[in-house]
Amino acid sequence: MTCTQALLSLLLISPCTDSGSPSIDLDIAEALASPLRTEADRVRDPMRKPDQVLAFFEIKPGMRVLDLFSGGGYYTEILSRTVGAGGSVVSHNNLAYIDYAKDEIASRYADNRLPNVEQLLTEANDLQLATASFDAVLAILTWHDFYYGDASFGWPDVNESTLVNTLCKAMKPGAVLGIIDHAAVAGADPRQAGHELHRVDPQRIKDDLAGSCFELVAEAQFLRNPEDQLGKAAMDPAVRGKTDRVIYKYRRT
């Protein structure tokens, strides 16, 4: 058995409910097993569980997917390899993210490594997307960024309702909006939690999407951590990679 075959056999796990670990499609397993992925990305896999994430969010070959606030592109690359040549990925960033992750971004897209990926640079409030053009949108560890708002860092405030409306128009009926974020304590001020802790009260996410075109259809538990006390910044070495993370699957009605 080759190394790739061994990895595939480990990733093809048994089906179970949405509250647990979803079954992994072969296309996702093959994307993760690609020898073209970097070692730095592979090191992140156990903490992020991308096999379960993409299966839960129903990512398939041929899809067009938006990776909202994609940062250095860890998920963009896995999405690119999963949707394949028949699909495409829009990797969105704003100016602050581009500067923060410039080295990783430069290597990620060097020499046309990901030919089915389009890089989109724009502030969230200025985001313009073709109507009914996406099969899925992923906002992974980014919802708190809507409340980050720091002019000194070049991060303008985000109008959450405008962004939600933009996504509504850009997604096809039935498309999945997948959200993962670091949990803050219930009732936490979104601006303070977003700016100081890089976290968000899970109820705030639900409130932002209430009354929109999106329906919450499932919540997964495989990134939850009840031992996380929620008071440390998500990037604090004591909790980094081990935060309590909520996973919501919304569907465009």
C-alpha atoms as a PDB file:
ATOM      1  CA  MET A   1       0.000   0.000   0.000  1.00  0.00           C
ATOM      2  CA  THR A   2       1.376   3.434  -0.932  1.00  0.00           C
ATOM      3  CA  CYS A   3       1.432   6.383   1.489  1.00  0.00           C
ATOM      4  CA  THR A   4      -1.389   8.041  -0.428  1.00  0.00           C
ATOM      5  CA  GLN A   5      -3.515   4.891  -0.328  1.00  0.00           C
ATOM      6  CA  ALA A   6      -2.911   4.567   3.400  1.00  0.00           C
ATOM      7  CA  LEU A   7      -4.048   8.133   3.996  1.00  0.00           C
ATOM      8  CA  LEU A   8      -7.142   7.620   1.887  1.00  0.00           C
ATOM      9  CA  SER A   9      -8.068   4.523   3.870  1.00  0.00           C
ATOM     10  CA  LEU A  10      -7.830   6.521   7.094  1.00  0.00           C
ATOM     11  CA  LEU A  11      -9.938   9.373   5.755  1.00  0.00           C
ATOM     12  CA  LEU A  12     -12.763   7.228   4.427  1.00  0.00           C
ATOM     13  CA  ILE A  13     -14.528   6.920   7.750  1.00  0.00           C
ATOM     14  CA  SER A  14     -17.982   5.592   8.528  1.00  0.00           C
ATOM     15  CA  PRO A  15     -21.056   7.810   8.173  1.00  0.00           C
ATOM     16  CA  CYS A  16     -22.771   9.265  11.221  1.00  0.00           C
ATOM     17  CA  THR A  17     -25.044  12.146  12.146  1.00  0.00           C
ATOM     18  CA  ASP A  18     -24.281  15.826  11.565  1.00  0.00           C
ATOM     19  CA  SER A  19     -23.614  16.242  15.282  1.00  0.00           C
ATOM     20  CA  GLY A  20     -20.649  13.888  14.978  1.00  0.00           C
ATOM     21  CA  SER A  21     -18.145  13.151  12.212  1.00  0.00           C
ATOM     22  CA  PRO A  22     -19.565  13.160   8.678  1.00  0.00           C
ATOM     23  CA  SER A  23     -18.518  10.540   6.153  1.00  0.00           C
ATOM     24  CA  ILE A  24     -15.649  11.670   3.939  1.00  0.00           C
ATOM     25  CA  ASP A  25     -15.950  11.672   0.168  1.00  0.00           C
ATOM     26  CA  LEU A  26     -13.130  10.202  -1.877  1.00  0.00           C
ATOM     27  CA  ASP A  27     -12.622  13.558  -3.606  1.00  0.00           C
ATOM     28  CA  ILE A  28     -11.892  15.266  -0.281  1.00  0.00           C
ATOM     29  CA  ALA A  29      -9.575  12.464   0.788  1.00  0.00           C
ATOM     30  CA  GLU A  30      -7.661  12.695  -2.486  1.00  0.00           C
ATOM     31  CA  ALA A  31      -7.402  16.488  -2.157  1.00  0.00           C
ATOM     32  CA  LEU A  32      -5.859  16.154   1.287  1.00  0.00           C
ATOM     33  CA  ALA A  33      -3.525  13.395   0.138  1.00  0.00           C
ATOM     34  CA  SER A  34      -2.164  15.446  -2.763  1.00  0.00           C
ATOM     35  CA  PRO A  35       1.652  15.387  -2.765  1.00  0.00           C
ATOM     36  CA  LEU A  36       1.534  19.034  -3.871  1.00  0.00           C
ATOM     37  CA  ARG A  37       0.258  20.192  -0.495  1.00  0.00           C
ATOM     38  CA  THR A  38       2.878  21.759   1.763  1.00  0.00           C
ATOM     39  CA  GLU A  39       4.124  20.234   4.980  1.00  0.00           C
ATOM     40  CA  ALA A  40       3.055  23.397   6.809  1.00  0.00           C
ATOM     41  CA  ASP A  41      -0.540  22.769   5.713  1.00  0.00           C
ATOM     42  CA  ARG A  42      -0.417  19.113   6.699  1.00  0.00           C
ATOM     43  CA  VAL A  43       0.689  20.053  10.209  1.00  0.00           C
ATOM     44  CA  ARG A  44      -2.531  22.079  10.587  1.00  0.00           C
ATOM     45  CA  ASP A  45      -4.815  19.256   9.507  1.00  0.00           C
ATOM     46  CA  PRO A  46      -5.238  17.469  12.874  1.00  0.00           C
ATOM     47  CA  MET A  47      -6.300  20.709  14.565  1.00  0.00           C
ATOM     48  CA  ARG A  48      -8.629  21.855  11.783  1.00  0.00           C
ATOM     49  CA  LYS A  49     -10.089  18.518  10.621  1.00  0.00           C
ATOM     50  CA  PRO A  50     -10.627  19.725   7.045  1.00  0.00           C
ATOM     51  CA  ASP A  51     -11.814  16.285   5.916  1.00  0.00           C
ATOM     52  CA  GLN A  52     -14.803  16.461   8.243  1.00  0.00           C
ATOM     53  CA  VAL A  53     -15.348  20.183   7.613  1.00  0.00           C
ATOM     54  CA  LEU A  54     -15.654  19.912   3.830  1.00  0.00           C
ATOM     55  CA  ALA A  55     -17.784  16.790   4.067  1.00  0.00           C
ATOM     56  CA  PHE A  56     -20.128  18.519   6.509  1.00  0.00           C
ATOM     57  CA  PHE A  57     -20.376  21.532   4.203  1.00  0.00           C
ATOM     58  CA  GLU A  58     -21.113  19.240   1.225  1.00  0.00           C
ATOM     59  CA  ILE A  59     -18.220  20.354  -0.990  1.00  0.00           C
ATOM     60  CA  LYS A  60     -18.161  18.388  -4.257  1.00  0.00           C
ATOM     61  CA  PRO A  61     -16.278  18.361  -7.569  1.00  0.00           C
ATOM     62  CA  GLY A  62     -17.504  20.904 -10.091  1.00  0.00           C
ATOM     63  CA  MET A  63     -18.697  23.438  -7.513  1.00  0.00           C
ATOM     64  CA  ARG A  64     -17.982  27.155  -7.502  1.00  0.00           C
ATOM     65  CA  VAL A  65     -17.044  28.164  -3.948  1.00  0.00           C
ATOM     66  CA  LEU A  66     -16.263  31.476  -2.255  1.00  0.00           C
ATOM     67  CA  ASP A  67     -13.655  31.344   0.531  1.00  0.00           C
ATOM     68  CA  LEU A  68     -14.551  34.519   2.431  1.00  0.00           C
ATOM     69  CA  PHE A  69     -11.602  36.227   4.146  1.00  0.00           C
ATOM     70  CA  SER A  70      -9.387  33.359   3.057  1.00  0.00           C
ATOM     71  CA  GLY A  71      -6.200  34.650   4.696  1.00  0.00           C
ATOM     72  CA  GLY A  72      -3.171  32.631   3.633  1.00  0.00           C
ATOM     73  CA  GLY A  73      -5.344  30.206   1.681  1.00  0.00           C
ATOM     74  CA  TYR A  74      -5.121  26.990   3.698  1.00  0.00           C
ATOM     75  CA  TYR A  75      -8.735  26.130   2.930  1.00  0.00           C
ATOM     76  CA  THR A  76      -8.620  27.688  -0.518  1.00  0.00           C
ATOM     77  CA  GLU A  77      -6.093  25.103  -1.635  1.00  0.00           C
ATOM     78  CA  ILE A  78      -8.062  22.160  -0.250  1.00  0.00           C
ATOM     79  CA  LEU A  79     -11.213  23.532  -1.868  1.00  0.00           C
ATOM     80  CA  SER A  80      -9.365  23.969  -5.152  1.00  0.00           C
ATOM     81  CA  ARG A  81      -8.231  20.356  -5.181  1.00  0.00           C
ATOM     82  CA  THR A  82     -11.650  19.076  -4.095  1.00  0.00           C
ATOM     83  CA  VAL A  83     -13.775  20.930  -6.678  1.00  0.00           C
ATOM     84  CA  GLY A  84     -11.233  19.980  -9.347  1.00  0.00           C
ATOM     85  CA  ALA A  85     -10.735  21.248 -12.864  1.00  0.00           C
ATOM     86  CA  GLY A  86     -14.481  21.365 -13.435  1.00  0.00           C
ATOM     87  CA  GLY A  87     -14.986  23.687 -10.476  1.00  0.00           C
ATOM     88  CA  SER A  88     -13.579  26.983  -9.268  1.00  0.00           C
ATOM     89  CA  VAL A  89     -12.796  28.870  -6.068  1.00  0.00           C
ATOM     90  CA  VAL A  90     -12.845  32.593  -5.355  1.00  0.00           C
ATOM     91  CA  SER A  91     -10.315  33.372  -2.648  1.00  0.00           C
ATOM     92  CA  HIS A  92     -11.357  36.654  -1.030  1.00  0.00           C
ATOM     93  CA  ASN A  93      -9.208  38.901   1.129  1.00  0.00           C
ATOM     94  CA  ASN A  94      -9.166  42.530   2.170  1.00  0.00           C
ATOM     95  CA  LEU A  95      -6.102  44.755   2.206  1.00  0.00           C
ATOM     96  CA  ALA A  96      -5.264  44.029   5.846  1.00  0.00           C
ATOM     97  CA  TYR A  97      -5.322  40.269   5.302  1.00  0.00           C
ATOM     98  CA  ILE A  98      -3.211  40.585   2.164  1.00  0.00           C
ATOM     99  CA  ASP A  99      -0.537  42.425   4.141  1.00  0.00           C
ATOM    100  CA  TYR A 100      -0.752  40.100   7.152  1.00  0.00           C
ATOM    101  CA  ALA A 101      -0.422  36.890   5.121  1.00  0.00           C
ATOM    102  CA  LYS A 102       1.573  38.199   2.180  1.00  0.00           C
ATOM    103  CA  ASP A 103       4.363  35.602   2.348  1.00  0.00           C
ATOM    104  CA  GLU A 104       2.002  32.639   2.588  1.00  0.00           C
ATOM    105  CA  ILE A 105      -0.185  34.066  -0.174  1.00  0.00           C
ATOM    106  CA  ALA A 106       2.820  34.610  -2.447  1.00  0.00           C
ATOM    107  CA  SER A 107       3.961  30.999  -2.116  1.00  0.00           C
ATOM    108  CA  ARG A 108       0.423  29.611  -2.247  1.00  0.00           C
ATOM    109  CA  TYR A 109      -0.268  31.019  -5.705  1.00  0.00           C
ATOM    110  CA  ALA A 110       3.246  31.028  -7.160  1.00  0.00           C
ATOM    111  CA  ASP A 111       3.650  29.605 -10.663  1.00  0.00           C
ATOM    112  CA  ASN A 112      -0.097  29.141 -11.095  1.00  0.00           C
ATOM    113  CA  ARG A 113      -0.193  26.330  -8.508  1.00  0.00           C
ATOM    114  CA  LEU A 114      -3.961  26.584  -8.233  1.00  0.00           C
ATOM    115  CA  PRO A 115      -5.231  27.378 -11.726  1.00  0.00           C
ATOM    116  CA  ASN A 116      -8.916  27.140 -10.789  1.00  0.00           C
ATOM    117  CA  VAL A 117      -8.596  29.820  -8.075  1.00  0.00           C
ATOM    118  CA  GLU A 118      -9.421  33.485  -8.596  1.00  0.00           C
ATOM    119  CA  GLN A 119      -7.994  35.892  -6.032  1.00  0.00           C
ATOM    120  CA  LEU A 120     -10.421  38.669  -5.114  1.00  0.00           C
ATOM    121  CA  LEU A 121      -9.119  41.678  -3.213  1.00  0.00           C
ATOM    122  CA  THR A 122     -11.797  43.980  -1.808  1.00  0.00           C
ATOM    123  CA  GLU A 123     -13.140  45.255   1.478  1.00  0.00           C
ATOM    124  CA  ALA A 124     -16.219  43.393   2.685  1.00  0.00           C
ATOM    125  CA  ASN A 125     -18.484  46.416   2.270  1.00  0.00           C
ATOM    126  CA  ASP A 126     -17.433  46.713  -1.375  1.00  0.00           C
ATOM    127  CA  LEU A 127     -17.810  43.037  -2.232  1.00  0.00           C
ATOM    128  CA  GLN A 128     -19.465  42.586  -5.625  1.00  0.00           C
ATOM    129  CA  LEU A 129     -20.381  39.083  -6.774  1.00  0.00           C
ATOM    130  CA  ALA A 130     -22.353  37.749  -9.716  1.00  0.00           C
ATOM    131  CA  THR A 131     -25.951  36.846  -8.913  1.00  0.00           C
ATOM    132  CA  ALA A 132     -26.656  33.182  -8.105  1.00  0.00           C
ATOM    133  CA  SER A 133     -23.099  32.187  -9.002  1.00  0.00           C
ATOM    134  CA  PHE A 134     -21.929  30.183  -5.967  1.00  0.00           C
ATOM    135  CA  ASP A 135     -22.740  26.655  -4.846  1.00  0.00           C
ATOM    136  CA  ALA A 136     -21.168  27.275  -1.444  1.00  0.00           C
ATOM    137  CA  VAL A 137     -19.604  30.041   0.625  1.00  0.00           C
ATOM    138  CA  LEU A 138     -17.277  29.266   3.531  1.00  0.00           C
ATOM    139  CA  ALA A 139     -16.549  31.733   6.326  1.00  0.00           C
ATOM    140  CA  ILE A 140     -13.982  29.866   8.391  1.00  0.00           C
ATOM    141  CA  LEU A 141     -12.672  31.570  11.540  1.00  0.00           C
ATOM    142  CA  THR A 142     -13.723  34.912  10.097  1.00  0.00           C
ATOM    143  CA  TRP A 143     -17.168  35.915  11.403  1.00  0.00           C
ATOM    144  CA  HIS A 144     -15.547  37.611  14.373  1.00  0.00           C
ATOM    145  CA  ASP A 145     -13.558  39.702  11.899  1.00  0.00           C
ATOM    146  CA  PHE A 146     -16.754  41.484  10.911  1.00  0.00           C
ATOM    147  CA  TYR A 147     -16.495  43.138  14.332  1.00  0.00           C
ATOM    148  CA  TYR A 148     -12.732  43.662  14.396  1.00  0.00           C
ATOM    149  CA  GLY A 149     -12.800  47.251  13.119  1.00  0.00           C
ATOM    150  CA  ASP A 150      -9.339  48.780  13.562  1.00  0.00           C
ATOM    151  CA  ALA A 151      -8.446  51.796  11.435  1.00  0.00           C
ATOM    152  CA  SER A 152      -4.825  51.688  12.602  1.00  0.00           C
ATOM    153  CA  PHE A 153      -4.570  48.172  11.162  1.00  0.00           C
ATOM    154  CA  GLY A 154      -6.333  49.219   7.973  1.00  0.00           C
ATOM    155  CA  TRP A 155      -9.450  47.212   8.833  1.00  0.00           C
ATOM    156  CA  PRO A 156     -12.683  49.179   8.276  1.00  0.00           C
ATOM    157  CA  ASP A 157     -15.880  48.321  10.113  1.00  0.00           C
ATOM    158  CA  VAL A 158     -18.002  45.756   8.291  1.00  0.00           C
ATOM    159  CA  ASN A 159     -21.708  46.313   7.715  1.00  0.00           C
ATOM    160  CA  GLU A 160     -22.929  42.834   8.632  1.00  0.00           C
ATOM    161  CA  SER A 161     -26.410  43.178   7.138  1.00  0.00           C
ATOM    162  CA  THR A 162     -25.026  44.441   3.843  1.00  0.00           C
ATOM    163  CA  LEU A 163     -22.596  41.538   3.658  1.00  0.00           C
ATOM    164  CA  VAL A 164     -25.316  38.986   4.421  1.00  0.00           C
ATOM    165  CA  ASN A 165     -27.495  40.492   1.686  1.00  0.00           C
ATOM    166  CA  THR A 166     -24.571  40.362  -0.743  1.00  0.00           C
ATOM    167  CA  LEU A 167     -24.073  36.667  -0.014  1.00  0.00           C
ATOM    168  CA  CYS A 168     -27.804  36.003  -0.401  1.00  0.00           C
ATOM    169  CA  LYS A 169     -27.790  37.437  -3.893  1.00  0.00           C
ATOM    170  CA  ALA A 170     -24.585  35.681  -4.899  1.00  0.00           C
ATOM    171  CA  MET A 171     -25.593  32.160  -3.843  1.00  0.00           C
ATOM    172  CA  LYS A 172     -27.778  29.697  -5.677  1.00  0.00           C
ATOM    173  CA  PRO A 173     -30.925  28.385  -4.004  1.00  0.00           C
ATOM    174  CA  GLY A 174     -29.886  25.391  -1.899  1.00  0.00           C
ATOM    175  CA  ALA A 175     -26.273  26.545  -1.642  1.00  0.00           C
ATOM    176  CA  VAL A 176     -24.476  26.030   1.677  1.00  0.00           C
ATOM    177  CA  LEU A 177     -23.104  28.839   3.819  1.00  0.00           C
ATOM    178  CA  GLY A 178     -20.571  27.152   6.102  1.00  0.00           C
ATOM    179  CA  ILE A 179     -19.423  28.997   9.208  1.00  0.00           C
ATOM    180  CA  ILE A 180     -16.769  28.076  11.763  1.00  0.00           C
ATOM    181  CA  ASP A 181     -15.570  30.418  14.477  1.00  0.00           C
ATOM    182  CA  HIS A 182     -13.952  30.607  17.890  1.00  0.00           C
ATOM    183  CA  ALA A 183     -16.668  30.842  20.547  1.00  0.00           C
ATOM    184  CA  ALA A 184     -16.859  33.733  23.006  1.00  0.00           C
ATOM    185  CA  VAL A 185     -18.866  33.725  26.220  1.00  0.00           C
ATOM    186  CA  ALA A 186     -22.597  34.201  25.851  1.00  0.00           C
ATOM    187  CA  GLY A 187     -23.538  37.852  25.679  1.00  0.00           C
ATOM    188  CA  ALA A 188     -19.998  39.031  24.915  1.00  0.00           C
ATOM    189  CA  ASP A 189     -19.760  42.435  23.301  1.00  0.00           C
ATOM    190  CA  PRO A 190     -19.070  41.597  19.636  1.00  0.00           C
ATOM    191  CA  ARG A 191     -16.644  44.481  19.096  1.00  0.00           C
ATOM    192  CA  GLN A 192     -14.595  43.703  22.187  1.00  0.00           C
ATOM    193  CA  ALA A 193     -14.599  39.922  21.631  1.00  0.00           C
ATOM    194  CA  GLY A 194     -13.813  40.312  17.937  1.00  0.00           C
ATOM    195  CA  HIS A 195     -11.024  42.817  18.415  1.00  0.00           C
ATOM    196  CA  GLU A 196      -9.363  41.574  21.593  1.00  0.00           C
ATOM    197  CA  LEU A 197     -10.018  37.822  21.526  1.00  0.00           C
ATOM    198  CA  HIS A 198     -10.748  37.017  17.864  1.00  0.00           C
ATOM    199  CA  ARG A 199     -13.912  35.287  19.057  1.00  0.00           C
ATOM    200  CA  VAL A 200     -17.652  35.730  18.675  1.00  0.00           C
ATOM    201  CA  ASP A 201     -20.680  34.808  20.754  1.00  0.00           C
ATOM    202  CA  PRO A 202     -22.308  31.977  18.722  1.00  0.00           C
ATOM    203  CA  GLN A 203     -25.709  33.586  19.251  1.00  0.00           C
ATOM    204  CA  ARG A 204     -24.427  36.695  17.492  1.00  0.00           C
ATOM    205  CA  ILE A 205     -23.856  34.675  14.320  1.00  0.00           C
ATOM    206  CA  LYS A 206     -27.424  33.394  14.501  1.00  0.00           C
ATOM    207  CA  ASP A 207     -28.737  36.898  15.124  1.00  0.00           C
ATOM    208  CA  ASP A 208     -26.837  38.279  12.136  1.00  0.00           C
ATOM    209  CA  LEU A 209     -28.486  35.701   9.874  1.00  0.00           C
ATOM    210  CA  ALA A 210     -31.967  35.812  11.416  1.00  0.00           C
ATOM    211  CA  GLY A 211     -34.591  36.999   8.961  1.00  0.00           C
ATOM    212  CA  SER A 212     -32.248  36.562   5.991  1.00  0.00           C
ATOM    213  CA  CYS A 213     -32.407  34.123   3.096  1.00  0.00           C
ATOM    214  CA  PHE A 214     -30.410  31.588   5.124  1.00  0.00           C
ATOM    215  CA  GLU A 215     -31.815  28.738   7.192  1.00  0.00           C
ATOM    216  CA  LEU A 216     -29.748  26.975   9.850  1.00  0.00           C
ATOM    217  CA  VAL A 217     -29.984  23.301   8.918  1.00  0.00           C
ATOM    218  CA  ALA A 218     -27.269  21.614  10.993  1.00  0.00           C
ATOM    219  CA  GLU A 219     -24.615  22.131  13.638  1.00  0.00           C
ATOM    220  CA  ALA A 220     -21.565  19.911  14.061  1.00  0.00           C
ATOM    221  CA  GLN A 221     -19.681  19.210  17.267  1.00  0.00           C
ATOM    222  CA  PHE A 222     -16.324  17.848  16.151  1.00  0.00           C
ATOM    223  CA  LEU A 223     -14.429  21.090  16.830  1.00  0.00           C
ATOM    224  CA  ARG A 224     -16.115  21.878  20.165  1.00  0.00           C
ATOM    225  CA  ASN A 225     -13.922  21.944  23.267  1.00  0.00           C
ATOM    226  CA  PRO A 226     -15.742  22.349  26.601  1.00  0.00           C
ATOM    227  CA  GLU A 227     -12.383  22.742  28.356  1.00  0.00           C
ATOM    228  CA  ASP A 228     -11.755  26.064  26.588  1.00  0.00           C
ATOM    229  CA  GLN A 229     -12.596  28.769  29.142  1.00  0.00           C
ATOM    230  CA  LEU A 230     -13.308  31.248  26.285  1.00  0.00           C
ATOM    231  CA  GLY A 231     -11.432  34.091  27.971  1.00  0.00           C
ATOM    232  CA  LYS A 232      -8.113  33.843  26.144  1.00  0.00           C
ATOM    233  CA  ALA A 233      -7.400  35.242  22.700  1.00  0.00           C
ATOM    234  CA  ALA A 234      -7.759  32.567  20.026  1.00  0.00           C
ATOM    235  CA  MET A 235      -4.096  33.021  19.088  1.00  0.00           C
ATOM    236  CA  ASP A 236      -2.814  32.669  22.653  1.00  0.00           C
ATOM    237  CA  PRO A 237      -0.336  29.735  22.692  1.00  0.00           C
ATOM    238  CA  ALA A 238      -2.280  28.172  25.577  1.00  0.00           C
ATOM    239  CA  VAL A 239      -5.374  27.651  23.413  1.00  0.00           C
ATOM    240  CA  ARG A 240      -4.278  28.074  19.811  1.00  0.00           C
ATOM    241  CA  GLY A 241      -5.592  25.171  17.775  1.00  0.00           C
ATOM    242  CA  LYS A 242      -7.661  24.001  20.759  1.00  0.00           C
ATOM    243  CA  THR A 243     -10.347  26.671  21.011  1.00  0.00           C
ATOM    244  CA  ASP A 244     -14.020  25.843  21.322  1.00  0.00           C
ATOM    245  CA  ARG A 245     -15.231  26.284  17.741  1.00  0.00           C
ATOM    246  CA  VAL A 246     -18.833  26.329  16.572  1.00  0.00           C
ATOM    247  CA  ILE A 247     -19.732  24.877  13.175  1.00  0.00           C
ATOM    248  CA  TYR A 248     -22.962  25.970  11.512  1.00  0.00           C
ATOM    249  CA  LYS A 249     -24.377  24.862   8.185  1.00  0.00           C
ATOM    250  CA  TYR A 250     -26.864  27.296   6.691  1.00  0.00           C
ATOM    251  CA  ARG A 251     -28.723  26.756   3.457  1.00  0.00           C
ATOM    252  CA  ARG A 252     -29.743  29.440   0.990  1.00  0.00           C
ATOM    253  CA  THR A 253     -33.532  29.213   0.669  1.00  0.00           C
END
